[in-house]
PDB file of N, CA and C in Angstrom:
ATOM      1  N   UNK A   1    -163.683 -96.250-281.272  1.00  0.00           N
ATOM      2  CA  UNK A   1    -164.168 -97.452-280.711  1.00  0.00           C
ATOM      3  C   UNK A   1    -163.826 -98.683-281.619  1.00  0.00           C
ATOM      4  N   UNK A   2    -163.483 -99.835-281.069  1.00  0.00           N
ATOM      5  CA  UNK A   2    -163.399-100.935-281.935  1.00  0.00           C
ATOM      6  C   UNK A   2    -164.623-101.802-281.612  1.00  0.00           C
ATOM      7  N   UNK A   3    -164.988-102.571-282.622  1.00  0.00           N
ATOM      8  CA  UNK A   3    -166.234-103.409-282.404  1.00  0.00           C
ATOM      9  C   UNK A   3    -165.931-104.851-282.672  1.00  0.00           C
ATOM     10  N   UNK A   4    -166.292-105.609-281.579  1.00  0.00           N
ATOM     11  CA  UNK A   4    -166.191-107.104-281.678  1.00  0.00           C
ATOM     12  C   UNK A   4    -167.572-107.755-281.562  1.00  0.00           C
ATOM     13  N   UNK A   5    -167.914-108.508-282.510  1.00  0.00           N
ATOM     14  CA  UNK A   5    -169.324-109.088-282.465  1.00  0.00           C
ATOM     15  C   UNK A   5    -169.326-110.539-281.999  1.00  0.00           C
ATOM     16  N   UNK A   6    -170.321-110.877-281.133  1.00  0.00           N
ATOM     17  CA  UNK A   6    -170.678-112.127-280.630  1.00  0.00           C
ATOM     18  C   UNK A   6    -171.833-112.725-281.410  1.00  0.00           C
ATOM     19  N   UNK A   7    -171.714-113.832-282.049  1.00  0.00           N
ATOM     20  CA  UNK A   7    -172.765-114.404-282.841  1.00  0.00           C
ATOM     21  C   UNK A   7    -173.268-115.643-282.090  1.00  0.00           C
ATOM     22  N   UNK A   8    -174.590-115.779-281.891  1.00  0.00           N
ATOM     23  CA  UNK A   8    -175.075-116.917-281.379  1.00  0.00           C
ATOM     24  C   UNK A   8    -176.248-117.401-282.226  1.00  0.00           C
ATOM     25  N   UNK A   9    -176.294-118.684-282.359  1.00  0.00           N
ATOM     26  CA  UNK A   9    -177.356-119.385-283.175  1.00  0.00           C
ATOM     27  C   UNK A   9    -178.406-119.855-282.271  1.00  0.00           C
ATOM     28  N   UNK A  10    -179.647-119.273-282.528  1.00  0.00           N
ATOM     29  CA  UNK A  10    -180.916-119.619-281.715  1.00  0.00           C
ATOM     30  C   UNK A  10    -181.760-120.313-282.646  1.00  0.00           C
ATOM     31  N   UNK A  11    -182.253-121.478-282.328  1.00  0.00           N
ATOM     32  CA  UNK A  11    -183.230-122.393-283.024  1.00  0.00           C
ATOM     33  C   UNK A  11    -182.639-122.452-284.390  1.00  0.00           C
ATOM     34  N   UNK A  12    -183.556-122.812-285.401  1.00  0.00           N
ATOM     35  CA  UNK A  12    -183.148-123.014-286.789  1.00  0.00           C
ATOM     36  C   UNK A  12    -183.212-121.735-287.613  1.00  0.00           C
ATOM     37  N   UNK A  13    -182.197-121.308-288.090  1.00  0.00           N
ATOM     38  CA  UNK A  13    -182.136-120.134-289.145  1.00  0.00           C
ATOM     39  C   UNK A  13    -182.100-118.824-288.330  1.00  0.00           C
ATOM     40  N   UNK A  14    -182.236-118.805-286.961  1.00  0.00           N
ATOM     41  CA  UNK A  14    -182.351-117.446-286.304  1.00  0.00           C
ATOM     42  C   UNK A  14    -180.913-117.178-285.805  1.00  0.00           C
ATOM     43  N   UNK A  15    -180.386-116.079-286.263  1.00  0.00           N
ATOM     44  CA  UNK A  15    -178.949-115.607-285.756  1.00  0.00           C
ATOM     45  C   UNK A  15    -179.145-114.405-284.937  1.00  0.00           C
ATOM     46  N   UNK A  16    -178.543-114.315-283.821  1.00  0.00           N
ATOM     47  CA  UNK A  16    -178.465-113.029-282.931  1.00  0.00           C
ATOM     48  C   UNK A  16    -177.156-112.642-282.809  1.00  0.00           C
ATOM     49  N   UNK A  17    -176.848-111.458-282.906  1.00  0.00           N
ATOM     50  CA  UNK A  17    -175.500-110.957-282.492  1.00  0.00           C
ATOM     51  C   UNK A  17    -175.511-109.943-281.409  1.00  0.00           C
ATOM     52  N   UNK A  18    -174.320-109.983-280.686  1.00  0.00           N
ATOM     53  CA  UNK A  18    -174.155-108.888-279.792  1.00  0.00           C
ATOM     54  C   UNK A  18    -172.742-108.409-280.054  1.00  0.00           C
ATOM     55  N   UNK A  19    -172.497-107.169-279.981  1.00  0.00           N
ATOM     56  CA  UNK A  19    -171.225-106.556-280.317  1.00  0.00           C
ATOM     57  C   UNK A  19    -170.629-105.852-279.133  1.00  0.00           C
ATOM     58  N   UNK A  20    -169.304-106.049-278.903  1.00  0.00           N
ATOM     59  CA  UNK A  20    -168.548-105.378-277.940  1.00  0.00           C
ATOM     60  C   UNK A  20    -167.903-104.119-278.452  1.00  0.00           C
ATOM     61  N   UNK A  21    -168.089-102.982-277.884  1.00  0.00           N
ATOM     62  CA  UNK A  21    -167.496-101.784-278.307  1.00  0.00           C
ATOM     63  C   UNK A  21    -166.693-101.105-277.216  1.00  0.00           C
ATOM     64  N   UNK A  22    -165.461-101.311-277.249  1.00  0.00           N
ATOM     65  CA  UNK A  22    -164.365-100.726-276.459  1.00  0.00           C
ATOM     66  C   UNK A  22    -163.609 -99.756-277.084  1.00  0.00           C
ATOM     67  N   UNK A  23    -163.109 -98.819-276.356  1.00  0.00           N
ATOM     68  CA  UNK A  23    -162.139 -97.802-277.022  1.00  0.00           C
ATOM     69  C   UNK A  23    -161.035 -98.564-277.613  1.00  0.00           C
ATOM     70  N   UNK A  24    -160.458 -98.030-278.832  1.00  0.00           N
ATOM     71  CA  UNK A  24    -159.416 -98.482-279.393  1.00  0.00           C
ATOM     72  C   UNK A  24    -158.065 -98.261-278.419  1.00  0.00           C
ATOM     73  N   UNK A  25    -157.331 -99.386-278.315  1.00  0.00           N
ATOM     74  CA  UNK A  25    -156.052 -99.169-277.330  1.00  0.00           C
ATOM     75  C   UNK A  25    -154.828 -98.766-278.187  1.00  0.00           C
ATOM     76  N   UNK A  26    -154.053 -98.050-277.682  1.00  0.00           N
ATOM     77  CA  UNK A  26    -152.727 -97.575-278.205  1.00  0.00           C
ATOM     78  C   UNK A  26    -151.611 -98.348-277.529  1.00  0.00           C
ATOM     79  N   UNK A  27    -150.673 -98.627-278.330  1.00  0.00           N
ATOM     80  CA  UNK A  27    -149.421 -99.300-277.756  1.00  0.00           C
ATOM     81  C   UNK A  27    -148.655 -98.249-276.857  1.00  0.00           C
ATOM     82  N   UNK A  28    -148.586 -98.646-275.544  1.00  0.00           N
ATOM     83  CA  UNK A  28    -147.772 -97.583-274.628  1.00  0.00           C
ATOM     84  C   UNK A  28    -146.267 -97.596-275.089  1.00  0.00           C
ATOM     85  N   UNK A  29    -145.683 -96.467-274.728  1.00  0.00           N
ATOM     86  CA  UNK A  29    -144.188 -96.404-274.934  1.00  0.00           C
ATOM     87  C   UNK A  29    -143.394 -97.610-274.371  1.00  0.00           C
ATOM     88  N   UNK A  30    -142.470 -98.048-274.917  1.00  0.00           N
ATOM     89  CA  UNK A  30    -141.618 -99.098-274.584  1.00  0.00           C
ATOM     90  C   UNK A  30    -142.330-100.440-274.413  1.00  0.00           C
ATOM     91  N   UNK A  31    -143.420-100.677-275.125  1.00  0.00           N
ATOM     92  CA  UNK A  31    -144.170-101.831-274.937  1.00  0.00           C
ATOM     93  C   UNK A  31    -144.640-102.374-276.297  1.00  0.00           C
ATOM     94  N   UNK A  32    -145.113-103.773-276.284  1.00  0.00           N
ATOM     95  CA  UNK A  32    -145.789-104.295-277.335  1.00  0.00           C
ATOM     96  C   UNK A  32    -147.065-104.849-276.852  1.00  0.00           C
ATOM     97  N   UNK A  33    -148.088-104.997-277.728  1.00  0.00           N
ATOM     98  CA  UNK A  33    -149.273-105.475-277.338  1.00  0.00           C
ATOM     99  C   UNK A  33    -149.846-106.598-278.287  1.00  0.00           C
ATOM    100  N   UNK A  34    -150.595-107.532-277.785  1.00  0.00           N
ATOM    101  CA  UNK A  34    -151.146-108.646-278.588  1.00  0.00           C
ATOM    102  C   UNK A  34    -152.650-108.802-278.311  1.00  0.00           C
ATOM    103  N   UNK A  35    -153.400-108.373-279.235  1.00  0.00           N
ATOM    104  CA  UNK A  35    -154.854-108.654-279.134  1.00  0.00           C
ATOM    105  C   UNK A  35    -155.340-109.923-279.602  1.00  0.00           C
ATOM    106  N   UNK A  36    -156.189-110.609-278.857  1.00  0.00           N
ATOM    107  CA  UNK A  36    -156.787-111.842-278.996  1.00  0.00           C
ATOM    108  C   UNK A  36    -158.214-111.874-279.029  1.00  0.00           C
ATOM    109  N   UNK A  37    -158.925-112.731-279.733  1.00  0.00           N
ATOM    110  CA  UNK A  37    -160.269-112.992-279.459  1.00  0.00           C
ATOM    111  C   UNK A  37    -161.287-112.605-280.647  1.00  0.00           C
ATOM    112  N   UNK A  38    -162.129-113.427-280.764  1.00  0.00           N
ATOM    113  CA  UNK A  38    -163.260-113.257-281.763  1.00  0.00           C
ATOM    114  C   UNK A  38    -164.518-113.830-281.158  1.00  0.00           C
ATOM    115  N   UNK A  39    -165.551-113.078-281.397  1.00  0.00           N
ATOM    116  CA  UNK A  39    -166.974-113.523-281.145  1.00  0.00           C
ATOM    117  C   UNK A  39    -167.283-113.407-279.626  1.00  0.00           C
ATOM    118  N   UNK A  40    -166.650-114.244-278.739  1.00  0.00           N
ATOM    119  CA  UNK A  40    -167.005-114.318-277.429  1.00  0.00           C
ATOM    120  C   UNK A  40    -166.181-113.476-276.583  1.00  0.00           C
ATOM    121  N   UNK A  41    -164.984-113.071-276.878  1.00  0.00           N
ATOM    122  CA  UNK A  41    -164.156-112.201-276.012  1.00  0.00           C
ATOM    123  C   UNK A  41    -163.151-111.459-276.761  1.00  0.00           C
ATOM    124  N   UNK A  42    -162.682-110.380-276.182  1.00  0.00           N
ATOM    125  CA  UNK A  42    -161.686-109.657-276.815  1.00  0.00           C
ATOM    126  C   UNK A  42    -160.734-109.119-275.701  1.00  0.00           C
ATOM    127  N   UNK A  43    -159.521-109.524-275.787  1.00  0.00           N
ATOM    128  CA  UNK A  43    -158.607-109.205-274.708  1.00  0.00           C
ATOM    129  C   UNK A  43    -157.246-108.733-275.414  1.00  0.00           C
ATOM    130  N   UNK A  44    -156.443-107.952-274.723  1.00  0.00           N
ATOM    131  CA  UNK A  44    -155.125-107.460-275.021  1.00  0.00           C
ATOM    132  C   UNK A  44    -154.165-107.649-274.038  1.00  0.00           C
ATOM    133  N   UNK A  45    -152.996-108.248-274.361  1.00  0.00           N
ATOM    134  CA  UNK A  45    -151.898-108.508-273.452  1.00  0.00           C
ATOM    135  C   UNK A  45    -150.741-107.661-273.782  1.00  0.00           C
ATOM    136  N   UNK A  46    -150.224-106.913-272.895  1.00  0.00           N
ATOM    137  CA  UNK A  46    -149.052-106.024-272.952  1.00  0.00           C
ATOM    138  C   UNK A  46    -147.737-106.637-272.497  1.00  0.00           C
ATOM    139  N   UNK A  47    -146.625-106.497-273.218  1.00  0.00           N
ATOM    140  CA  UNK A  47    -145.337-106.942-272.894  1.00  0.00           C
ATOM    141  C   UNK A  47    -144.290-105.645-273.030  1.00  0.00           C
ATOM    142  N   UNK A  48    -143.558-105.606-271.895  1.00  0.00           N
ATOM    143  CA  UNK A  48    -142.570-104.470-271.926  1.00  0.00           C
ATOM    144  C   UNK A  48    -141.172-104.788-272.691  1.00  0.00           C
ATOM    145  N   UNK A  49    -140.679-103.967-273.338  1.00  0.00           N
ATOM    146  CA  UNK A  49    -139.333-104.201-273.986  1.00  0.00           C
ATOM    147  C   UNK A  49    -138.382-104.448-272.916  1.00  0.00           C
ATOM    148  N   UNK A  50    -137.200-105.196-273.409  1.00  0.00           N
ATOM    149  CA  UNK A  50    -136.076-105.404-272.423  1.00  0.00           C
ATOM    150  C   UNK A  50    -135.642-104.313-271.856  1.00  0.00           C
ATOM    151  N   UNK A  51    -135.369-104.341-270.537  1.00  0.00           N
ATOM    152  CA  UNK A  51    -134.913-103.234-269.742  1.00  0.00           C
ATOM    153  C   UNK A  51    -136.050-102.424-269.074  1.00  0.00           C
ATOM    154  N   UNK A  52    -137.215-102.746-269.304  1.00  0.00           N
ATOM    155  CA  UNK A  52    -138.398-101.971-268.837  1.00  0.00           C
ATOM    156  C   UNK A  52    -139.304-102.901-267.825  1.00  0.00           C
ATOM    157  N   UNK A  53    -139.933-102.225-266.880  1.00  0.00           N
ATOM    158  CA  UNK A  53    -140.668-102.912-265.932  1.00  0.00           C
ATOM    159  C   UNK A  53    -142.082-102.547-266.078  1.00  0.00           C
ATOM    160  N   UNK A  54    -142.979-103.520-266.041  1.00  0.00           N
ATOM    161  CA  UNK A  54    -144.424-103.202-266.091  1.00  0.00           C
ATOM    162  C   UNK A  54    -144.970-102.818-264.779  1.00  0.00           C
ATOM    163  N   UNK A  55    -145.763-101.625-264.859  1.00  0.00           N
ATOM    164  CA  UNK A  55    -146.522-101.212-263.691  1.00  0.00           C
ATOM    165  C   UNK A  55    -148.055-101.172-263.902  1.00  0.00           C
ATOM    166  N   UNK A  56    -148.922-101.426-263.066  1.00  0.00           N
ATOM    167  CA  UNK A  56    -150.278-101.419-263.303  1.00  0.00           C
ATOM    168  C   UNK A  56    -150.941-102.658-262.764  1.00  0.00           C
ATOM    169  N   UNK A  57    -152.141-102.684-262.757  1.00  0.00           N
ATOM    170  CA  UNK A  57    -153.034-103.714-262.082  1.00  0.00           C
ATOM    171  C   UNK A  57    -152.831-105.148-262.777  1.00  0.00           C
ATOM    172  N   UNK A  58    -152.748-105.171-264.132  1.00  0.00           N
ATOM    173  CA  UNK A  58    -152.702-106.329-264.891  1.00  0.00           C
ATOM    174  C   UNK A  58    -151.980-106.095-266.223  1.00  0.00           C
ATOM    175  N   UNK A  59    -151.350-107.198-266.758  1.00  0.00           N
ATOM    176  CA  UNK A  59    -150.759-107.178-267.969  1.00  0.00           C
ATOM    177  C   UNK A  59    -151.696-107.415-269.129  1.00  0.00           C
ATOM    178  N   UNK A  60    -152.954-107.846-268.795  1.00  0.00           N
ATOM    179  CA  UNK A  60    -154.005-108.070-269.826  1.00  0.00           C
ATOM    180  C   UNK A  60    -155.273-107.334-269.380  1.00  0.00           C
ATOM    181  N   UNK A  61    -155.972-106.677-270.482  1.00  0.00           N
ATOM    182  CA  UNK A  61    -157.166-106.019-270.352  1.00  0.00           C
ATOM    183  C   UNK A  61    -158.226-106.813-271.178  1.00  0.00           C
ATOM    184  N   UNK A  62    -159.305-106.818-270.670  1.00  0.00           N
ATOM    185  CA  UNK A  62    -160.589-107.501-271.401  1.00  0.00           C
ATOM    186  C   UNK A  62    -161.727-106.521-271.549  1.00  0.00           C
ATOM    187  N   UNK A  63    -162.247-106.559-272.830  1.00  0.00           N
ATOM    188  CA  UNK A  63    -163.388-105.701-273.194  1.00  0.00           C
ATOM    189  C   UNK A  63    -164.659-106.357-272.517  1.00  0.00           C
ATOM    190  N   UNK A  64    -165.327-105.490-271.693  1.00  0.00           N
ATOM    191  CA  UNK A  64    -166.526-105.906-270.975  1.00  0.00           C
ATOM    192  C   UNK A  64    -167.712-105.695-272.022  1.00  0.00           C
ATOM    193  N   UNK A  65    -168.804-106.476-271.683  1.00  0.00           N
ATOM    194  CA  UNK A  65    -170.041-106.173-272.483  1.00  0.00           C
ATOM    195  C   UNK A  65    -170.617-104.738-272.563  1.00  0.00           C
ATOM    196  N   UNK A  66    -170.221-103.975-271.457  1.00  0.00           N
ATOM    197  CA  UNK A  66    -170.726-102.579-271.339  1.00  0.00           C
ATOM    198  C   UNK A  66    -169.835-101.610-272.155  1.00  0.00           C
ATOM    199  N   UNK A  67    -168.777-102.115-272.779  1.00  0.00           N
ATOM    200  CA  UNK A  67    -167.951-101.305-273.639  1.00  0.00           C
ATOM    201  C   UNK A  67    -166.791-100.694-272.946  1.00  0.00           C
ATOM    202  N   UNK A  68    -166.380-101.187-271.878  1.00  0.00           N
ATOM    203  CA  UNK A  68    -165.159-100.611-271.058  1.00  0.00           C
ATOM    204  C   UNK A  68    -164.164-101.713-270.977  1.00  0.00           C
ATOM    205  N   UNK A  69    -162.951-101.362-270.794  1.00  0.00           N
ATOM    206  CA  UNK A  69    -161.903-102.292-270.430  1.00  0.00           C
ATOM    207  C   UNK A  69    -161.909-102.525-269.003  1.00  0.00           C
ATOM    208  N   UNK A  70    -161.672-103.699-268.546  1.00  0.00           N
ATOM    209  CA  UNK A  70    -161.589-104.145-267.096  1.00  0.00           C
ATOM    210  C   UNK A  70    -160.483-103.643-266.320  1.00  0.00           C
ATOM    211  N   UNK A  71    -159.334-103.198-266.926  1.00  0.00           N
ATOM    212  CA  UNK A  71    -158.244-102.593-266.243  1.00  0.00           C
ATOM    213  C   UNK A  71    -157.661-101.374-267.034  1.00  0.00           C
ATOM    214  N   UNK A  72    -156.991-100.505-266.518  1.00  0.00           N
ATOM    215  CA  UNK A  72    -156.287 -99.472-267.246  1.00  0.00           C
ATOM    216  C   UNK A  72    -155.121-100.142-267.928  1.00  0.00           C
ATOM    217  N   UNK A  73    -154.610 -99.569-269.144  1.00  0.00           N
ATOM    218  CA  UNK A  73    -153.446-100.041-269.699  1.00  0.00           C
ATOM    219  C   UNK A  73    -152.308 -99.930-268.849  1.00  0.00           C
ATOM    220  N   UNK A  74    -151.416-100.971-268.719  1.00  0.00           N
ATOM    221  CA  UNK A  74    -150.171-100.748-267.957  1.00  0.00           C
ATOM    222  C   UNK A  74    -149.233 -99.857-268.574  1.00  0.00           C
ATOM    223  N   UNK A  75    -148.221 -99.482-267.817  1.00  0.00           N
ATOM    224  CA  UNK A  75    -147.085 -98.672-268.361  1.00  0.00           C
ATOM    225  C   UNK A  75    -145.817 -99.546-268.224  1.00  0.00           C
ATOM    226  N   UNK A  76    -144.876 -99.256-269.033  1.00  0.00           N
ATOM    227  CA  UNK A  76    -143.554 -99.844-268.963  1.00  0.00           C
ATOM    228  C   UNK A  76    -142.395 -98.632-268.619  1.00  0.00           C
ATOM    229  N   UNK A  77    -141.994 -98.844-267.343  1.00  0.00           N
ATOM    230  CA  UNK A  77    -141.004 -97.823-266.793  1.00  0.00           C
ATOM    231  C   UNK A  77    -139.499 -98.291-267.073  1.00  0.00           C
ATOM    232  N   UNK A  78    -138.650 -97.446-267.496  1.00  0.00           N
ATOM    233  CA  UNK A  78    -137.380 -97.753-267.743  1.00  0.00           C
ATOM    234  C   UNK A  78    -136.366 -97.605-266.550  1.00  0.00           C
ATOM    235  N   UNK A  79    -135.120 -97.829-266.918  1.00  0.00           N
ATOM    236  CA  UNK A  79    -134.079 -97.704-265.988  1.00  0.00           C
ATOM    237  C   UNK A  79    -133.839 -98.941-265.208  1.00  0.00           C
ATOM    238  N   UNK A  80    -134.474-100.036-265.516  1.00  0.00           N
ATOM    239  CA  UNK A  80    -134.425-101.413-264.704  1.00  0.00           C
ATOM    240  C   UNK A  80    -133.101-102.105-265.229  1.00  0.00           C
ATOM    241  N   UNK A  81    -132.277-102.369-264.388  1.00  0.00           N
ATOM    242  CA  UNK A  81    -131.079-103.260-264.805  1.00  0.00           C
ATOM    243  C   UNK A  81    -131.228-104.549-264.683  1.00  0.00           C
TER     244      UNK A  81
END
């Protein structure tokens, strides 16, 4: 699991945190990935290498507060001219 914390300031000197715990993502074959976000959101965007085509519902997955990713990791399939 990877942990991403959300910090909120409530009143004077009271700090509350919420952490997002989503499974660690692996780079799919023939792809690159870029993870962005701190505190309020955590998202990962995937890019296929030249000559490969992405398949899947989305090129970006977002960690939900319930600890799951909102989409499956896409795949990059080869043989595209």
